[in-house]
Amino acid sequence: MPKRVPNKKYTPGFKKLVVETMRKEKLSYRETAERFGIRHKRVRDWERVNLRRVHISACKRLLGVFLSYSSPKSVEAHKYIHKFLT
């Protein structure tokens, strides 16, 4: 196995490609890491960050739904979700 470059910086596009490939082809962290020549823990970390971003996006969409109603509950929900996201 070739030596890895220490402290190498990866572009956001590369990270996204790695995570999408892993999901699309249903690969394990190790299989994905071997394919791209990186450490499996790095793949795991990138997937976790990606999942968090997806979760935050879903919360923001949900927040938009709450704000579309004019009830006091939607204002409370907005404050709660805003507190969570910031």
N, C-alpha and C. Protein backbone atom coordinates (compact mmCIF):
# COMPACT_ATOMS: atom_id res chain seq x y z
N MET A 1 0.84 -1.17 0.00
CA MET A 1 0.00 0.00 0.00
C MET A 1 0.89 1.24 0.00
N PRO A 2 0.58 2.23 -0.87
CA PRO A 2 1.43 3.42 -0.94
C PRO A 2 1.30 4.27 0.32
N LYS A 3 2.39 5.01 0.62
CA LYS A 3 2.36 5.89 1.78
C LYS A 3 1.41 7.06 1.51
N ARG A 4 0.74 7.47 2.54
CA ARG A 4 -0.18 8.60 2.43
C ARG A 4 0.58 9.90 2.73
N VAL A 5 0.05 10.97 2.18
CA VAL A 5 0.64 12.28 2.41
C VAL A 5 0.08 12.83 3.72
N PRO A 6 0.93 13.15 4.70
CA PRO A 6 0.42 13.67 5.96
C PRO A 6 -0.13 15.09 5.82
N ASN A 7 -1.18 15.38 6.57
CA ASN A 7 -1.79 16.71 6.62
C ASN A 7 -2.20 17.24 5.25
N LYS A 8 -2.66 16.35 4.40
CA LYS A 8 -3.11 16.77 3.08
C LYS A 8 -4.50 17.40 3.18
N LYS A 9 -4.72 18.47 2.45
CA LYS A 9 -6.02 19.14 2.42
C LYS A 9 -6.81 18.61 1.24
N TYR A 10 -8.07 18.34 1.47
CA TYR A 10 -8.95 17.84 0.41
C TYR A 10 -10.02 18.89 0.12
N THR A 11 -10.38 19.02 -1.14
CA THR A 11 -11.39 20.00 -1.53
C THR A 11 -12.78 19.51 -1.12
N PRO A 12 -13.70 20.43 -0.92
CA PRO A 12 -15.07 20.03 -0.60
C PRO A 12 -15.69 19.14 -1.68
N GLY A 13 -15.34 19.40 -2.93
CA GLY A 13 -15.86 18.58 -4.03
C GLY A 13 -15.38 17.14 -3.94
N PHE A 14 -14.13 16.96 -3.56
CA PHE A 14 -13.59 15.60 -3.41
C PHE A 14 -14.27 14.88 -2.26
N LYS A 15 -14.46 15.58 -1.15
CA LYS A 15 -15.13 14.97 0.00
C LYS A 15 -16.54 14.53 -0.37
N LYS A 16 -17.24 15.39 -1.10
CA LYS A 16 -18.60 15.07 -1.52
C LYS A 16 -18.60 13.86 -2.45
N LEU A 17 -17.65 13.81 -3.37
CA LEU A 17 -17.53 12.68 -4.29
C LEU A 17 -17.31 11.37 -3.53
N VAL A 18 -16.46 11.40 -2.52
CA VAL A 18 -16.16 10.21 -1.73
C VAL A 18 -17.43 9.71 -1.03
N VAL A 19 -18.14 10.62 -0.36
CA VAL A 19 -19.34 10.23 0.37
C VAL A 19 -20.43 9.74 -0.58
N GLU A 20 -20.62 10.44 -1.69
CA GLU A 20 -21.65 10.02 -2.65
C GLU A 20 -21.32 8.66 -3.26
N THR A 21 -20.05 8.42 -3.57
CA THR A 21 -19.64 7.13 -4.12
C THR A 21 -19.90 6.01 -3.11
N MET A 22 -19.57 6.28 -1.84
CA MET A 22 -19.77 5.27 -0.81
C MET A 22 -21.25 4.91 -0.69
N ARG A 23 -22.11 5.91 -0.71
CA ARG A 23 -23.55 5.65 -0.58
C ARG A 23 -24.12 4.98 -1.83
N LYS A 24 -23.73 5.49 -2.99
CA LYS A 24 -24.28 4.98 -4.25
C LYS A 24 -23.91 3.52 -4.48
N GLU A 25 -22.65 3.19 -4.19
CA GLU A 25 -22.17 1.83 -4.43
C GLU A 25 -22.25 0.94 -3.18
N LYS A 26 -22.81 1.51 -2.09
CA LYS A 26 -22.99 0.77 -0.83
C LYS A 26 -21.68 0.14 -0.35
N LEU A 27 -20.65 0.97 -0.30
CA LEU A 27 -19.33 0.52 0.14
C LEU A 27 -19.15 0.79 1.64
N SER A 28 -18.29 0.02 2.26
CA SER A 28 -17.94 0.28 3.66
C SER A 28 -16.94 1.43 3.70
N TYR A 29 -16.66 1.91 4.92
CA TYR A 29 -15.66 2.97 5.06
C TYR A 29 -14.31 2.49 4.53
N ARG A 30 -13.94 1.28 4.88
CA ARG A 30 -12.64 0.75 4.45
C ARG A 30 -12.56 0.57 2.94
N GLU A 31 -13.61 0.04 2.35
CA GLU A 31 -13.61 -0.14 0.89
C GLU A 31 -13.50 1.22 0.17
N THR A 32 -14.24 2.18 0.67
CA THR A 32 -14.19 3.52 0.08
C THR A 32 -12.81 4.13 0.24
N ALA A 33 -12.25 3.99 1.43
CA ALA A 33 -10.93 4.55 1.70
C ALA A 33 -9.87 3.93 0.79
N GLU A 34 -9.93 2.63 0.61
CA GLU A 34 -8.96 1.96 -0.27
C GLU A 34 -9.09 2.45 -1.70
N ARG A 35 -10.33 2.64 -2.15
CA ARG A 35 -10.56 3.09 -3.52
C ARG A 35 -9.96 4.47 -3.76
N PHE A 36 -10.08 5.36 -2.77
CA PHE A 36 -9.61 6.73 -2.94
C PHE A 36 -8.23 6.99 -2.33
N GLY A 37 -7.66 5.99 -1.67
CA GLY A 37 -6.32 6.15 -1.10
C GLY A 37 -6.27 7.06 0.11
N ILE A 38 -7.30 6.98 0.95
CA ILE A 38 -7.35 7.79 2.15
C ILE A 38 -7.66 6.89 3.35
N ARG A 39 -7.60 7.46 4.54
CA ARG A 39 -7.88 6.67 5.75
C ARG A 39 -9.39 6.50 5.94
N HIS A 40 -9.77 5.33 6.46
CA HIS A 40 -11.20 5.06 6.62
C HIS A 40 -11.84 5.98 7.65
N LYS A 41 -11.09 6.42 8.64
CA LYS A 41 -11.65 7.34 9.64
C LYS A 41 -11.99 8.68 9.02
N ARG A 42 -11.23 9.07 8.02
CA ARG A 42 -11.51 10.33 7.33
C ARG A 42 -12.83 10.22 6.58
N VAL A 43 -13.08 9.08 5.95
CA VAL A 43 -14.34 8.86 5.23
C VAL A 43 -15.50 8.93 6.22
N ARG A 44 -15.34 8.30 7.37
CA ARG A 44 -16.38 8.31 8.40
C ARG A 44 -16.68 9.74 8.85
N ASP A 45 -15.62 10.51 9.09
CA ASP A 45 -15.80 11.89 9.53
C ASP A 45 -16.52 12.73 8.47
N TRP A 46 -16.15 12.56 7.21
CA TRP A 46 -16.78 13.31 6.14
C TRP A 46 -18.25 12.95 6.02
N GLU A 47 -18.57 11.67 6.21
CA GLU A 47 -19.98 11.27 6.13
C GLU A 47 -20.77 11.90 7.27
N ARG A 48 -20.20 11.93 8.44
CA ARG A 48 -20.90 12.53 9.59
C ARG A 48 -21.15 14.02 9.35
N VAL A 49 -20.17 14.72 8.82
CA VAL A 49 -20.35 16.14 8.52
C VAL A 49 -21.43 16.31 7.47
N ASN A 50 -21.42 15.45 6.47
CA ASN A 50 -22.41 15.51 5.41
C ASN A 50 -23.81 15.25 5.96
N LEU A 51 -23.96 14.27 6.84
CA LEU A 51 -25.26 13.97 7.44
C LEU A 51 -25.75 15.14 8.27
N ARG A 52 -24.85 15.80 8.97
CA ARG A 52 -25.25 16.97 9.78
C ARG A 52 -25.74 18.08 8.88
N ARG A 53 -25.07 18.30 7.76
CA ARG A 53 -25.51 19.34 6.83
C ARG A 53 -26.89 19.02 6.27
N VAL A 54 -27.12 17.76 5.94
CA VAL A 54 -28.43 17.33 5.43
C VAL A 54 -29.49 17.57 6.50
N HIS A 55 -29.17 17.25 7.75
CA HIS A 55 -30.11 17.44 8.84
C HIS A 55 -30.44 18.92 9.02
N ILE A 56 -29.44 19.77 8.98
CA ILE A 56 -29.65 21.20 9.13
C ILE A 56 -30.50 21.74 7.97
N SER A 57 -30.24 21.26 6.76
CA SER A 57 -31.04 21.69 5.61
C SER A 57 -32.51 21.30 5.79
N ALA A 58 -32.74 20.09 6.28
CA ALA A 58 -34.10 19.63 6.52
C ALA A 58 -34.78 20.50 7.57
N CYS A 59 -34.05 20.86 8.62
CA CYS A 59 -34.60 21.73 9.67
C CYS A 59 -34.95 23.10 9.10
N LYS A 60 -34.12 23.62 8.24
CA LYS A 60 -34.40 24.92 7.65
C LYS A 60 -35.63 24.87 6.76
N ARG A 61 -35.79 23.78 6.00
CA ARG A 61 -36.99 23.62 5.18
C ARG A 61 -38.22 23.53 6.07
N LEU A 62 -38.11 22.77 7.15
CA LEU A 62 -39.20 22.64 8.09
C LEU A 62 -39.53 23.98 8.73
N LEU A 63 -38.51 24.75 9.02
CA LEU A 63 -38.69 26.08 9.57
C LEU A 63 -39.50 26.95 8.61
N GLY A 64 -39.22 26.83 7.33
CA GLY A 64 -39.99 27.57 6.34
C GLY A 64 -41.45 27.20 6.34
N VAL A 65 -41.74 25.92 6.55
CA VAL A 65 -43.13 25.47 6.63
C VAL A 65 -43.79 26.07 7.86
N PHE A 66 -43.09 26.06 8.99
CA PHE A 66 -43.64 26.63 10.21
C PHE A 66 -43.95 28.12 10.03
N LEU A 67 -43.03 28.82 9.36
CA LEU A 67 -43.21 30.25 9.20
C LEU A 67 -44.34 30.60 8.24
N SER A 68 -44.74 29.65 7.42
CA SER A 68 -45.81 29.92 6.47
C SER A 68 -47.17 30.01 7.16
N TYR A 69 -47.27 29.50 8.37
CA TYR A 69 -48.49 29.62 9.15
C TYR A 69 -48.40 30.84 10.05
N SER A 70 -49.52 31.43 10.38
CA SER A 70 -49.49 32.64 11.20
C SER A 70 -49.87 32.40 12.66
N SER A 71 -49.85 31.16 13.09
CA SER A 71 -50.23 30.86 14.47
C SER A 71 -49.08 31.16 15.42
N PRO A 72 -49.38 31.40 16.68
CA PRO A 72 -48.31 31.62 17.68
C PRO A 72 -47.38 30.43 17.83
N LYS A 73 -47.89 29.22 17.58
CA LYS A 73 -47.05 28.03 17.69
C LYS A 73 -45.90 28.07 16.68
N SER A 74 -46.16 28.61 15.51
CA SER A 74 -45.09 28.66 14.50
C SER A 74 -43.98 29.61 14.94
N VAL A 75 -44.33 30.66 15.64
CA VAL A 75 -43.32 31.59 16.15
C VAL A 75 -42.47 30.89 17.21
N GLU A 76 -43.12 30.13 18.09
CA GLU A 76 -42.38 29.36 19.10
C GLU A 76 -41.47 28.34 18.44
N ALA A 77 -41.97 27.66 17.44
CA ALA A 77 -41.16 26.67 16.73
C ALA A 77 -39.97 27.34 16.05
N HIS A 78 -40.20 28.51 15.46
CA HIS A 78 -39.13 29.25 14.80
C HIS A 78 -38.02 29.57 15.80
N LYS A 79 -38.40 30.06 16.99
CA LYS A 79 -37.40 30.40 18.00
C LYS A 79 -36.63 29.17 18.45
N TYR A 80 -37.34 28.05 18.61
CA TYR A 80 -36.69 26.82 19.05
C TYR A 80 -35.71 26.32 18.01
N ILE A 81 -36.11 26.27 16.77
CA ILE A 81 -35.24 25.76 15.71
C ILE A 81 -34.09 26.72 15.47
N HIS A 82 -34.34 28.02 15.51
CA HIS A 82 -33.27 29.00 15.33
C HIS A 82 -32.21 28.84 16.43
N LYS A 83 -32.65 28.62 17.64
CA LYS A 83 -31.72 28.40 18.76
C LYS A 83 -30.88 27.15 18.53
N PHE A 84 -31.52 26.10 18.00
CA PHE A 84 -30.82 24.85 17.72
C PHE A 84 -29.79 25.02 16.62
N LEU A 85 -30.11 25.79 15.59
CA LEU A 85 -29.23 25.92 14.42
C LEU A 85 -28.08 26.90 14.65
N THR A 86 -28.19 27.77 15.63
CA THR A 86 -27.12 28.75 15.85
C THR A 86 -26.27 28.40 17.03
